[in-house]
Amino acid sequence: MCRGVLGARCAAAVLVEVIHPRINDAALRWTLSRLRVEPVTQTLAQSAAALLRTAGLHGHQYAIDATLCATALAQPGRVTILTSDVEDITLLTANHPRVTVESV
């Protein structure tokens, strides 16, 4: 999830990680109603791949994290990424001082 000047946004690919059989559907619907879900476009995917390359990472293990970071970086101004995976997100955004990473 990322929060920018224009409000809360989420890369569509992030939903793949958060939706599972034990999720509270009502809570998920409530959360999603307050987010703008951004599509994963070719441009966004290429930006995510560039972040992976710069960080020296690759593979499916980091793909959704990189997509989230690319979504955040596509927003204007300073952005905060809320994540349970601070270490990987910090690696991917290390060269981007306008990004803040916070643990949830």
N, C-alpha and C. Protein backbone atom coordinates (compact mmCIF):
# COMPACT_ATOMS: atom_id res chain seq x y z
N MET A 1 0.85 -1.16 0.00
CA MET A 1 0.00 0.00 0.00
C MET A 1 0.90 1.22 0.00
N CYS A 2 0.52 2.23 -0.72
CA CYS A 2 1.30 3.46 -0.67
C CYS A 2 0.37 4.63 -0.50
N ARG A 3 0.87 5.65 0.17
CA ARG A 3 0.07 6.84 0.41
C ARG A 3 0.82 8.01 -0.19
N GLY A 4 0.20 8.74 -1.05
CA GLY A 4 0.84 9.89 -1.66
C GLY A 4 0.00 11.13 -1.48
N VAL A 5 0.39 12.19 -2.13
CA VAL A 5 -0.32 13.46 -2.04
C VAL A 5 -1.77 13.31 -2.49
N LEU A 6 -2.01 12.45 -3.46
CA LEU A 6 -3.34 12.30 -4.01
C LEU A 6 -4.20 11.29 -3.27
N GLY A 7 -3.73 10.77 -2.17
CA GLY A 7 -4.50 9.81 -1.40
C GLY A 7 -3.90 8.43 -1.45
N ALA A 8 -4.59 7.49 -0.86
CA ALA A 8 -4.07 6.12 -0.75
C ALA A 8 -4.22 5.40 -2.08
N ARG A 9 -3.14 4.70 -2.46
CA ARG A 9 -3.12 3.95 -3.71
C ARG A 9 -2.50 2.59 -3.46
N CYS A 10 -2.82 1.67 -4.32
CA CYS A 10 -2.33 0.31 -4.20
C CYS A 10 -2.14 -0.25 -5.60
N ALA A 11 -1.02 -0.93 -5.84
CA ALA A 11 -0.83 -1.62 -7.13
C ALA A 11 -1.75 -2.83 -7.17
N ALA A 12 -2.42 -3.04 -8.28
CA ALA A 12 -3.35 -4.17 -8.41
C ALA A 12 -2.69 -5.49 -8.06
N ALA A 13 -1.41 -5.65 -8.38
CA ALA A 13 -0.70 -6.90 -8.10
C ALA A 13 -0.61 -7.20 -6.61
N VAL A 14 -0.66 -6.16 -5.78
CA VAL A 14 -0.58 -6.35 -4.33
C VAL A 14 -1.77 -7.17 -3.83
N LEU A 15 -2.90 -7.07 -4.51
CA LEU A 15 -4.08 -7.82 -4.10
C LEU A 15 -3.82 -9.32 -4.13
N VAL A 16 -2.95 -9.77 -5.02
CA VAL A 16 -2.60 -11.19 -5.10
C VAL A 16 -1.99 -11.66 -3.79
N GLU A 17 -1.20 -10.80 -3.15
CA GLU A 17 -0.57 -11.17 -1.88
C GLU A 17 -1.54 -11.13 -0.70
N VAL A 18 -2.49 -10.20 -0.72
CA VAL A 18 -3.31 -10.00 0.48
C VAL A 18 -4.60 -10.80 0.50
N ILE A 19 -5.07 -11.27 -0.65
CA ILE A 19 -6.32 -12.02 -0.66
C ILE A 19 -6.01 -13.51 -0.50
N HIS A 20 -6.54 -14.09 0.55
CA HIS A 20 -6.33 -15.51 0.85
C HIS A 20 -7.56 -16.03 1.59
N PRO A 21 -7.67 -17.34 1.77
CA PRO A 21 -8.89 -17.92 2.36
C PRO A 21 -9.24 -17.41 3.76
N ARG A 22 -8.25 -17.00 4.54
CA ARG A 22 -8.54 -16.58 5.91
C ARG A 22 -8.79 -15.08 6.05
N ILE A 23 -8.80 -14.35 4.93
CA ILE A 23 -8.98 -12.90 5.02
C ILE A 23 -10.43 -12.57 5.38
N ASN A 24 -10.60 -11.54 6.14
CA ASN A 24 -11.93 -11.05 6.50
C ASN A 24 -12.45 -10.26 5.30
N ASP A 25 -13.42 -10.84 4.58
CA ASP A 25 -13.92 -10.22 3.35
C ASP A 25 -14.49 -8.82 3.57
N ALA A 26 -15.21 -8.65 4.67
CA ALA A 26 -15.80 -7.33 4.95
C ALA A 26 -14.70 -6.29 5.18
N ALA A 27 -13.68 -6.67 5.93
CA ALA A 27 -12.57 -5.75 6.17
C ALA A 27 -11.82 -5.44 4.88
N LEU A 28 -11.65 -6.44 4.02
CA LEU A 28 -10.98 -6.22 2.74
C LEU A 28 -11.80 -5.26 1.87
N ARG A 29 -13.11 -5.49 1.77
CA ARG A 29 -13.96 -4.60 0.98
C ARG A 29 -13.90 -3.17 1.51
N TRP A 30 -13.93 -3.01 2.84
CA TRP A 30 -13.86 -1.68 3.45
C TRP A 30 -12.54 -1.00 3.09
N THR A 31 -11.44 -1.74 3.22
CA THR A 31 -10.12 -1.18 2.90
C THR A 31 -10.03 -0.79 1.43
N LEU A 32 -10.46 -1.69 0.56
CA LEU A 32 -10.39 -1.42 -0.88
C LEU A 32 -11.27 -0.24 -1.28
N SER A 33 -12.36 -0.02 -0.55
CA SER A 33 -13.24 1.11 -0.88
C SER A 33 -12.56 2.45 -0.59
N ARG A 34 -11.49 2.41 0.18
CA ARG A 34 -10.76 3.63 0.53
C ARG A 34 -9.44 3.79 -0.23
N LEU A 35 -9.17 2.85 -1.13
CA LEU A 35 -7.94 2.88 -1.92
C LEU A 35 -8.26 3.08 -3.39
N ARG A 36 -7.31 3.63 -4.09
CA ARG A 36 -7.38 3.64 -5.55
C ARG A 36 -6.43 2.54 -6.02
N VAL A 37 -6.98 1.53 -6.66
CA VAL A 37 -6.17 0.42 -7.14
C VAL A 37 -5.65 0.78 -8.52
N GLU A 38 -4.33 0.84 -8.64
CA GLU A 38 -3.67 1.23 -9.88
C GLU A 38 -3.38 0.00 -10.74
N PRO A 39 -3.66 0.07 -12.04
CA PRO A 39 -3.37 -1.07 -12.91
C PRO A 39 -1.87 -1.26 -13.09
N VAL A 40 -1.48 -2.48 -13.39
CA VAL A 40 -0.08 -2.77 -13.69
C VAL A 40 0.07 -2.68 -15.22
N THR A 41 0.61 -1.58 -15.66
CA THR A 41 0.80 -1.34 -17.08
C THR A 41 2.20 -1.81 -17.50
N GLN A 42 2.44 -1.81 -18.80
CA GLN A 42 3.77 -2.17 -19.28
C GLN A 42 4.81 -1.18 -18.76
N THR A 43 4.49 0.08 -18.76
CA THR A 43 5.42 1.10 -18.26
C THR A 43 5.75 0.86 -16.79
N LEU A 44 4.72 0.56 -16.00
CA LEU A 44 4.93 0.29 -14.58
C LEU A 44 5.77 -0.98 -14.39
N ALA A 45 5.49 -2.01 -15.18
CA ALA A 45 6.27 -3.25 -15.08
C ALA A 45 7.73 -3.00 -15.43
N GLN A 46 7.99 -2.18 -16.43
CA GLN A 46 9.37 -1.87 -16.80
C GLN A 46 10.06 -1.06 -15.71
N SER A 47 9.34 -0.17 -15.07
CA SER A 47 9.90 0.58 -13.94
C SER A 47 10.22 -0.36 -12.78
N ALA A 48 9.35 -1.31 -12.52
CA ALA A 48 9.58 -2.30 -11.46
C ALA A 48 10.82 -3.13 -11.78
N ALA A 49 10.96 -3.55 -13.04
CA ALA A 49 12.13 -4.33 -13.45
C ALA A 49 13.41 -3.51 -13.28
N ALA A 50 13.34 -2.22 -13.57
CA ALA A 50 14.51 -1.35 -13.39
C ALA A 50 14.88 -1.24 -11.91
N LEU A 51 13.89 -1.15 -11.04
CA LEU A 51 14.16 -1.11 -9.60
C LEU A 51 14.85 -2.40 -9.15
N LEU A 52 14.37 -3.53 -9.64
CA LEU A 52 14.99 -4.82 -9.30
C LEU A 52 16.44 -4.86 -9.77
N ARG A 53 16.67 -4.44 -11.00
CA ARG A 53 18.02 -4.45 -11.56
C ARG A 53 18.96 -3.55 -10.73
N THR A 54 18.50 -2.36 -10.39
CA THR A 54 19.32 -1.43 -9.61
C THR A 54 19.65 -1.99 -8.23
N ALA A 55 18.69 -2.71 -7.64
CA ALA A 55 18.90 -3.28 -6.31
C ALA A 55 19.65 -4.61 -6.36
N GLY A 56 19.91 -5.12 -7.56
CA GLY A 56 20.60 -6.40 -7.70
C GLY A 56 19.71 -7.58 -7.33
N LEU A 57 18.40 -7.41 -7.50
CA LEU A 57 17.43 -8.46 -7.18
C LEU A 57 16.75 -8.93 -8.46
N HIS A 58 16.14 -10.12 -8.41
CA HIS A 58 15.38 -10.60 -9.55
C HIS A 58 14.45 -11.72 -9.10
N GLY A 59 13.53 -12.04 -9.95
CA GLY A 59 12.66 -13.19 -9.71
C GLY A 59 11.32 -12.85 -9.09
N HIS A 60 10.48 -13.89 -9.06
CA HIS A 60 9.11 -13.72 -8.56
C HIS A 60 9.06 -13.34 -7.09
N GLN A 61 10.08 -13.68 -6.33
CA GLN A 61 10.11 -13.37 -4.89
C GLN A 61 9.98 -11.87 -4.64
N TYR A 62 10.49 -11.05 -5.56
CA TYR A 62 10.50 -9.61 -5.37
C TYR A 62 9.57 -8.86 -6.33
N ALA A 63 8.92 -9.56 -7.23
CA ALA A 63 8.16 -8.92 -8.30
C ALA A 63 7.04 -8.01 -7.78
N ILE A 64 6.25 -8.49 -6.84
CA ILE A 64 5.13 -7.67 -6.35
C ILE A 64 5.65 -6.50 -5.54
N ASP A 65 6.70 -6.71 -4.74
CA ASP A 65 7.30 -5.60 -3.99
C ASP A 65 7.80 -4.52 -4.95
N ALA A 66 8.45 -4.94 -6.03
CA ALA A 66 8.97 -3.97 -7.00
C ALA A 66 7.82 -3.24 -7.69
N THR A 67 6.73 -3.94 -7.96
CA THR A 67 5.56 -3.31 -8.58
C THR A 67 4.96 -2.28 -7.64
N LEU A 68 4.87 -2.61 -6.37
CA LEU A 68 4.39 -1.66 -5.37
C LEU A 68 5.28 -0.41 -5.35
N CYS A 69 6.59 -0.61 -5.34
CA CYS A 69 7.53 0.52 -5.29
C CYS A 69 7.41 1.38 -6.55
N ALA A 70 7.28 0.75 -7.70
CA ALA A 70 7.13 1.49 -8.95
C ALA A 70 5.83 2.30 -8.94
N THR A 71 4.78 1.74 -8.38
CA THR A 71 3.50 2.45 -8.24
C THR A 71 3.68 3.68 -7.36
N ALA A 72 4.39 3.51 -6.25
CA ALA A 72 4.63 4.64 -5.35
C ALA A 72 5.45 5.73 -6.04
N LEU A 73 6.48 5.32 -6.76
CA LEU A 73 7.36 6.29 -7.43
C LEU A 73 6.67 7.00 -8.58
N ALA A 74 5.60 6.44 -9.10
CA ALA A 74 4.85 7.09 -10.18
C ALA A 74 3.98 8.23 -9.66
N GLN A 75 3.84 8.33 -8.34
CA GLN A 75 3.03 9.38 -7.74
C GLN A 75 3.89 10.64 -7.55
N PRO A 76 3.28 11.80 -7.61
CA PRO A 76 4.05 13.03 -7.41
C PRO A 76 4.39 13.26 -5.94
N GLY A 77 5.48 13.94 -5.70
CA GLY A 77 5.85 14.35 -4.35
C GLY A 77 6.34 13.19 -3.49
N ARG A 78 6.36 13.45 -2.18
CA ARG A 78 6.81 12.45 -1.21
C ARG A 78 5.73 11.39 -1.05
N VAL A 79 6.16 10.14 -0.89
CA VAL A 79 5.22 9.04 -0.67
C VAL A 79 5.70 8.18 0.49
N THR A 80 4.74 7.56 1.14
CA THR A 80 5.04 6.63 2.22
C THR A 80 4.49 5.27 1.82
N ILE A 81 5.34 4.26 1.92
CA ILE A 81 4.91 2.89 1.63
C ILE A 81 4.72 2.19 2.97
N LEU A 82 3.53 1.66 3.19
CA LEU A 82 3.22 0.90 4.39
C LEU A 82 3.35 -0.57 4.03
N THR A 83 4.19 -1.30 4.78
CA THR A 83 4.47 -2.68 4.41
C THR A 83 4.86 -3.51 5.62
N SER A 84 4.69 -4.81 5.51
CA SER A 84 5.21 -5.73 6.52
C SER A 84 6.60 -6.21 6.12
N ASP A 85 7.07 -5.81 4.95
CA ASP A 85 8.36 -6.24 4.42
C ASP A 85 9.28 -5.03 4.22
N VAL A 86 9.60 -4.37 5.31
CA VAL A 86 10.39 -3.15 5.26
C VAL A 86 11.75 -3.38 4.61
N GLU A 87 12.38 -4.50 4.88
CA GLU A 87 13.73 -4.76 4.37
C GLU A 87 13.78 -4.76 2.84
N ASP A 88 12.91 -5.52 2.19
CA ASP A 88 12.93 -5.59 0.73
C ASP A 88 12.50 -4.27 0.10
N ILE A 89 11.47 -3.63 0.66
CA ILE A 89 11.00 -2.36 0.11
C ILE A 89 12.08 -1.29 0.25
N THR A 90 12.79 -1.30 1.36
CA THR A 90 13.89 -0.34 1.56
C THR A 90 15.00 -0.58 0.54
N LEU A 91 15.31 -1.84 0.26
CA LEU A 91 16.32 -2.15 -0.77
C LEU A 91 15.90 -1.60 -2.13
N LEU A 92 14.65 -1.75 -2.45
CA LEU A 92 14.16 -1.34 -3.76
C LEU A 92 14.04 0.17 -3.92
N THR A 93 13.90 0.88 -2.82
CA THR A 93 13.72 2.34 -2.89
C THR A 93 14.92 3.11 -2.33
N ALA A 94 16.02 2.43 -2.13
CA ALA A 94 17.20 3.05 -1.50
C ALA A 94 17.68 4.31 -2.22
N ASN A 95 17.54 4.36 -3.52
CA ASN A 95 18.02 5.51 -4.31
C ASN A 95 16.95 6.58 -4.52
N HIS A 96 15.88 6.50 -3.75
CA HIS A 96 14.75 7.41 -3.95
C HIS A 96 14.39 8.10 -2.62
N PRO A 97 15.02 9.23 -2.35
CA PRO A 97 14.83 9.88 -1.04
C PRO A 97 13.44 10.41 -0.77
N ARG A 98 12.60 10.53 -1.78
CA ARG A 98 11.24 11.02 -1.52
C ARG A 98 10.30 9.93 -1.04
N VAL A 99 10.83 8.68 -0.92
CA VAL A 99 10.03 7.56 -0.44
C VAL A 99 10.40 7.25 1.01
N THR A 100 9.38 7.13 1.84
CA THR A 100 9.53 6.71 3.22
C THR A 100 8.87 5.34 3.35
N VAL A 101 9.51 4.43 4.08
CA VAL A 101 8.96 3.09 4.27
C VAL A 101 8.63 2.92 5.75
N GLU A 102 7.40 2.49 6.02
CA GLU A 102 6.97 2.28 7.40
C GLU A 102 6.38 0.88 7.57
N SER A 103 6.65 0.29 8.69
CA SER A 103 6.17 -1.05 9.01
C SER A 103 4.72 -1.03 9.48
N VAL A 104 3.96 -2.02 9.03
CA VAL A 104 2.59 -2.20 9.53
C VAL A 104 2.45 -3.61 10.07
